[in-house]
């Protein structure tokens, strides 16, 4: 039984940083998914595939995994490549390059 610890990124519909500071421990799949022939539902015989544990910090998630003997791999969050800029910065007096249409 192994798990993945990561911090989910914000969705494409999110402009703020709400709900991005949490850490999630998600178990890896032990068995493959199968398609049920009558209705076409996708199912799995692995009950841990549905479990997602949320923690406030990375250290809490790692401590939980180590306490319960769960092998884990840690995925560090990517840092944004550009800084956040507000719309009003386009009209600042001390702007380095002049703003044009």
N, C-alpha and C. Protein backbone atom coordinates (compact mmCIF):
# COMPACT_ATOMS: atom_id res chain seq x y z
N UNK A 1 0.86 -1.17 0.00
CA UNK A 1 0.00 0.00 0.00
C UNK A 1 0.90 1.24 0.00
N UNK A 2 0.74 2.06 -1.02
CA UNK A 2 1.51 3.29 -1.11
C UNK A 2 0.56 4.46 -1.37
N UNK A 3 1.06 5.66 -1.15
CA UNK A 3 0.22 6.84 -1.28
C UNK A 3 1.02 7.98 -1.92
N UNK A 4 0.29 8.96 -2.37
CA UNK A 4 0.87 10.16 -2.95
C UNK A 4 0.44 11.35 -2.10
N UNK A 5 1.39 12.19 -1.72
CA UNK A 5 1.10 13.39 -0.94
C UNK A 5 1.38 14.59 -1.84
N UNK A 6 0.38 15.45 -2.02
CA UNK A 6 0.54 16.60 -2.90
C UNK A 6 -0.34 17.74 -2.44
N UNK A 7 -0.05 18.91 -2.97
CA UNK A 7 -0.87 20.09 -2.74
C UNK A 7 -1.57 20.42 -4.05
N UNK A 8 -2.91 20.30 -4.11
CA UNK A 8 -3.60 20.52 -5.38
C UNK A 8 -3.48 21.98 -5.85
N UNK A 9 -3.36 22.13 -7.16
CA UNK A 9 -3.28 23.47 -7.71
C UNK A 9 -4.68 24.04 -7.87
N UNK A 10 -4.75 25.34 -8.08
CA UNK A 10 -6.06 25.95 -8.24
C UNK A 10 -6.63 25.59 -9.60
N UNK A 11 -7.93 25.59 -9.69
CA UNK A 11 -8.58 25.23 -10.95
C UNK A 11 -8.51 26.39 -11.94
N UNK A 12 -8.83 26.12 -13.17
CA UNK A 12 -8.81 27.15 -14.20
C UNK A 12 -9.87 28.21 -13.95
N UNK A 13 -10.91 27.89 -13.21
CA UNK A 13 -11.98 28.83 -12.94
C UNK A 13 -11.70 29.68 -11.70
N UNK A 14 -10.57 29.47 -11.06
CA UNK A 14 -10.25 30.17 -9.82
C UNK A 14 -9.27 31.29 -10.11
N UNK A 15 -9.55 32.49 -9.62
CA UNK A 15 -8.60 33.58 -9.79
C UNK A 15 -7.86 33.84 -8.48
N UNK A 16 -8.42 33.47 -7.36
CA UNK A 16 -7.79 33.69 -6.08
C UNK A 16 -7.00 32.48 -5.62
N UNK A 17 -6.59 32.52 -4.36
CA UNK A 17 -5.79 31.43 -3.81
C UNK A 17 -6.53 30.62 -2.76
N UNK A 18 -7.84 30.71 -2.76
CA UNK A 18 -8.63 29.97 -1.78
C UNK A 18 -8.53 28.47 -2.04
N UNK A 19 -8.49 27.70 -0.98
CA UNK A 19 -8.45 26.24 -1.03
C UNK A 19 -7.22 25.69 -1.74
N UNK A 20 -6.12 26.43 -1.76
CA UNK A 20 -4.92 25.93 -2.41
C UNK A 20 -3.82 25.58 -1.41
N UNK A 21 -4.00 25.89 -0.15
CA UNK A 21 -2.95 25.64 0.83
C UNK A 21 -3.05 24.29 1.51
N UNK A 22 -3.98 23.44 1.11
CA UNK A 22 -4.13 22.16 1.78
C UNK A 22 -3.22 21.12 1.14
N UNK A 23 -2.98 20.04 1.88
CA UNK A 23 -2.19 18.91 1.38
C UNK A 23 -3.08 17.68 1.41
N UNK A 24 -2.98 16.85 0.38
CA UNK A 24 -3.85 15.69 0.22
C UNK A 24 -2.99 14.42 0.19
N UNK A 25 -3.44 13.42 0.95
CA UNK A 25 -2.84 12.09 0.89
C UNK A 25 -3.83 11.20 0.14
N UNK A 26 -3.41 10.69 -1.00
CA UNK A 26 -4.27 9.90 -1.87
C UNK A 26 -3.60 8.55 -2.12
N UNK A 27 -4.31 7.47 -1.89
CA UNK A 27 -3.74 6.14 -2.04
C UNK A 27 -3.66 5.77 -3.51
N UNK A 28 -2.58 5.04 -3.87
CA UNK A 28 -2.42 4.53 -5.24
C UNK A 28 -3.36 3.35 -5.44
N UNK A 29 -3.73 3.11 -6.66
CA UNK A 29 -4.64 2.01 -6.98
C UNK A 29 -3.93 0.67 -6.85
N UNK A 30 -4.58 -0.27 -6.18
CA UNK A 30 -4.04 -1.62 -6.02
C UNK A 30 -4.49 -2.53 -7.15
N UNK A 31 -5.62 -2.23 -7.75
CA UNK A 31 -6.12 -3.04 -8.86
C UNK A 31 -6.67 -2.12 -9.95
N UNK A 32 -6.72 -2.65 -11.15
CA UNK A 32 -7.20 -1.86 -12.28
C UNK A 32 -8.72 -1.71 -12.23
N UNK A 33 -9.21 -0.68 -12.86
CA UNK A 33 -10.65 -0.49 -12.97
C UNK A 33 -11.21 -1.45 -14.03
N UNK A 34 -12.46 -1.84 -13.83
CA UNK A 34 -13.12 -2.70 -14.80
C UNK A 34 -14.45 -2.07 -15.20
N UNK A 35 -14.92 -2.41 -16.38
CA UNK A 35 -16.19 -1.90 -16.87
C UNK A 35 -17.26 -2.97 -16.64
N UNK A 36 -18.32 -2.58 -15.96
CA UNK A 36 -19.42 -3.50 -15.68
C UNK A 36 -20.20 -3.69 -16.98
N UNK A 37 -20.39 -4.95 -17.44
CA UNK A 37 -20.94 -5.16 -18.78
C UNK A 37 -22.39 -4.74 -18.98
N UNK A 38 -23.24 -4.81 -17.97
CA UNK A 38 -24.65 -4.52 -18.17
C UNK A 38 -24.92 -3.02 -18.32
N UNK A 39 -24.43 -2.22 -17.38
CA UNK A 39 -24.72 -0.78 -17.39
C UNK A 39 -23.56 0.06 -17.91
N UNK A 40 -22.36 -0.53 -17.97
CA UNK A 40 -21.22 0.22 -18.47
C UNK A 40 -20.53 1.08 -17.41
N UNK A 41 -20.87 0.88 -16.13
CA UNK A 41 -20.22 1.64 -15.07
C UNK A 41 -18.78 1.19 -14.90
N UNK A 42 -17.92 2.11 -14.52
CA UNK A 42 -16.54 1.78 -14.21
C UNK A 42 -16.45 1.52 -12.72
N UNK A 43 -15.87 0.37 -12.36
CA UNK A 43 -15.78 0.03 -10.95
C UNK A 43 -14.38 -0.48 -10.62
N UNK A 44 -14.12 -0.61 -9.34
CA UNK A 44 -12.84 -1.10 -8.87
C UNK A 44 -13.08 -1.91 -7.61
N UNK A 45 -12.25 -2.91 -7.41
CA UNK A 45 -12.37 -3.72 -6.19
C UNK A 45 -11.51 -3.16 -5.07
N UNK A 46 -10.89 -2.02 -5.31
CA UNK A 46 -10.00 -1.41 -4.32
C UNK A 46 -10.77 -0.35 -3.52
N UNK A 47 -11.04 -0.58 -2.22
CA UNK A 47 -11.79 0.41 -1.45
C UNK A 47 -10.99 1.67 -1.14
N UNK A 48 -9.67 1.59 -1.14
CA UNK A 48 -8.85 2.77 -0.82
C UNK A 48 -8.76 3.75 -1.99
N UNK A 49 -9.25 3.37 -3.15
CA UNK A 49 -9.21 4.26 -4.30
C UNK A 49 -10.08 5.49 -4.09
N UNK A 50 -11.03 5.41 -3.18
CA UNK A 50 -11.95 6.52 -2.94
C UNK A 50 -11.51 7.42 -1.78
N UNK A 51 -10.47 7.03 -1.07
CA UNK A 51 -10.07 7.75 0.14
C UNK A 51 -9.09 8.87 -0.21
N UNK A 52 -9.43 10.08 0.22
CA UNK A 52 -8.54 11.24 0.10
C UNK A 52 -8.53 11.94 1.45
N UNK A 53 -7.38 11.96 2.09
CA UNK A 53 -7.24 12.61 3.39
C UNK A 53 -6.64 13.99 3.19
N UNK A 54 -7.23 14.99 3.83
CA UNK A 54 -6.76 16.37 3.70
C UNK A 54 -6.07 16.81 4.98
N UNK A 55 -4.94 17.53 4.84
CA UNK A 55 -4.16 18.03 5.96
C UNK A 55 -3.85 19.50 5.75
N UNK A 56 -3.61 20.19 6.85
CA UNK A 56 -3.32 21.62 6.78
C UNK A 56 -1.89 21.88 6.29
N UNK A 57 -0.95 21.01 6.66
CA UNK A 57 0.44 21.20 6.27
C UNK A 57 1.02 19.92 5.70
N UNK A 58 2.14 20.07 5.01
CA UNK A 58 2.84 18.92 4.45
C UNK A 58 3.37 18.02 5.55
N UNK A 59 3.88 18.63 6.62
CA UNK A 59 4.45 17.85 7.72
C UNK A 59 3.41 16.97 8.40
N UNK A 60 2.18 17.44 8.50
CA UNK A 60 1.11 16.62 9.10
C UNK A 60 0.81 15.40 8.23
N UNK A 61 0.79 15.60 6.92
CA UNK A 61 0.52 14.48 6.01
C UNK A 61 1.64 13.45 6.05
N UNK A 62 2.88 13.91 6.08
CA UNK A 62 4.03 13.00 6.15
C UNK A 62 4.03 12.26 7.49
N UNK A 63 3.74 12.97 8.58
CA UNK A 63 3.70 12.34 9.90
C UNK A 63 2.62 11.27 9.96
N UNK A 64 1.47 11.52 9.35
CA UNK A 64 0.39 10.53 9.34
C UNK A 64 0.82 9.27 8.58
N UNK A 65 1.44 9.47 7.41
CA UNK A 65 1.87 8.33 6.60
C UNK A 65 2.93 7.52 7.34
N UNK A 66 3.87 8.19 7.99
CA UNK A 66 4.92 7.47 8.72
C UNK A 66 4.37 6.77 9.95
N UNK A 67 3.42 7.39 10.63
CA UNK A 67 2.83 6.79 11.83
C UNK A 67 2.08 5.50 11.50
N UNK A 68 1.40 5.47 10.35
CA UNK A 68 0.60 4.32 9.97
C UNK A 68 1.34 3.36 9.03
N UNK A 69 2.63 3.60 8.80
CA UNK A 69 3.44 2.70 7.98
C UNK A 69 3.06 2.69 6.52
N UNK A 70 2.65 3.82 6.00
CA UNK A 70 2.26 3.92 4.59
C UNK A 70 3.45 4.45 3.79
N UNK A 71 3.85 3.69 2.77
CA UNK A 71 4.90 4.18 1.87
C UNK A 71 4.31 5.32 1.05
N UNK A 72 5.06 6.39 0.90
CA UNK A 72 4.53 7.57 0.20
C UNK A 72 5.58 8.19 -0.70
N UNK A 73 5.12 8.93 -1.68
CA UNK A 73 6.01 9.79 -2.46
C UNK A 73 5.41 11.20 -2.43
N UNK A 74 6.28 12.16 -2.29
CA UNK A 74 5.88 13.54 -2.06
C UNK A 74 6.04 14.33 -3.35
N UNK A 75 4.99 14.99 -3.78
CA UNK A 75 5.02 15.85 -4.96
C UNK A 75 4.98 17.30 -4.48
N UNK A 76 6.07 18.01 -4.68
CA UNK A 76 6.13 19.41 -4.28
C UNK A 76 5.34 20.26 -5.27
N UNK A 77 4.66 21.30 -4.82
CA UNK A 77 3.89 22.15 -5.75
C UNK A 77 4.82 22.99 -6.61
N UNK A 78 4.40 23.24 -7.84
CA UNK A 78 5.16 24.09 -8.75
C UNK A 78 4.95 25.55 -8.36
N UNK A 79 6.01 26.33 -8.47
CA UNK A 79 5.91 27.76 -8.20
C UNK A 79 5.45 28.47 -9.47
N UNK A 80 4.61 29.50 -9.36
CA UNK A 80 4.16 30.20 -10.55
C UNK A 80 5.33 30.86 -11.28
N UNK A 81 5.27 30.84 -12.60
CA UNK A 81 6.37 31.36 -13.40
C UNK A 81 6.33 32.88 -13.54
N UNK A 82 5.19 33.48 -13.27
CA UNK A 82 5.10 34.93 -13.36
C UNK A 82 4.47 35.48 -12.09
N UNK A 83 4.75 36.73 -11.83
CA UNK A 83 4.20 37.34 -10.62
C UNK A 83 2.79 37.86 -10.90
N UNK A 84 2.01 37.94 -9.88
CA UNK A 84 0.64 38.43 -10.02
C UNK A 84 0.67 39.95 -10.22
N UNK A 85 -0.02 40.41 -11.21
CA UNK A 85 -0.05 41.83 -11.54
C UNK A 85 -1.50 42.29 -11.53
N UNK A 86 -1.73 43.43 -10.92
CA UNK A 86 -3.10 43.94 -10.90
C UNK A 86 -3.36 44.81 -12.13
N UNK A 87 -4.61 44.98 -12.43
CA UNK A 87 -5.01 45.77 -13.60
C UNK A 87 -4.59 47.23 -13.46
N UNK A 88 -4.60 47.73 -12.24
CA UNK A 88 -4.25 49.14 -12.03
C UNK A 88 -2.77 49.41 -12.30
N UNK A 89 -1.93 48.37 -12.32
CA UNK A 89 -0.51 48.58 -12.63
C UNK A 89 -0.31 49.07 -14.07
N UNK A 90 -1.27 48.84 -14.94
CA UNK A 90 -1.15 49.32 -16.32
C UNK A 90 -1.15 50.85 -16.39
N UNK A 91 -1.70 51.52 -15.39
CA UNK A 91 -1.87 52.96 -15.44
C UNK A 91 -1.00 53.71 -14.43
N UNK A 92 0.00 53.06 -13.89
CA UNK A 92 0.88 53.73 -12.91
C UNK A 92 1.68 54.83 -13.58
N UNK A 93 1.97 55.86 -12.80
CA UNK A 93 2.74 56.98 -13.31
C UNK A 93 4.19 56.58 -13.56
N UNK A 94 4.75 55.78 -12.69
CA UNK A 94 6.18 55.41 -12.79
C UNK A 94 6.38 54.09 -13.54
N UNK A 95 5.52 53.79 -14.49
CA UNK A 95 5.64 52.57 -15.29
C UNK A 95 6.89 52.64 -16.15
N UNK A 96 7.63 51.53 -16.29
CA UNK A 96 8.90 51.52 -17.01
C UNK A 96 8.69 51.69 -18.53
N UNK A 97 7.66 51.08 -19.05
CA UNK A 97 7.36 51.24 -20.47
C UNK A 97 6.01 51.93 -20.61
N UNK A 98 5.87 52.83 -21.55
CA UNK A 98 4.58 53.54 -21.69
C UNK A 98 3.47 52.60 -22.11
N UNK A 99 2.31 52.84 -21.58
CA UNK A 99 1.15 52.01 -21.89
C UNK A 99 0.46 52.55 -23.12
N UNK A 100 0.23 51.70 -24.09
CA UNK A 100 -0.49 52.11 -25.29
C UNK A 100 -1.57 51.09 -25.59
N UNK A 101 -2.48 51.46 -26.43
CA UNK A 101 -3.57 50.55 -26.81
C UNK A 101 -3.08 49.53 -27.75
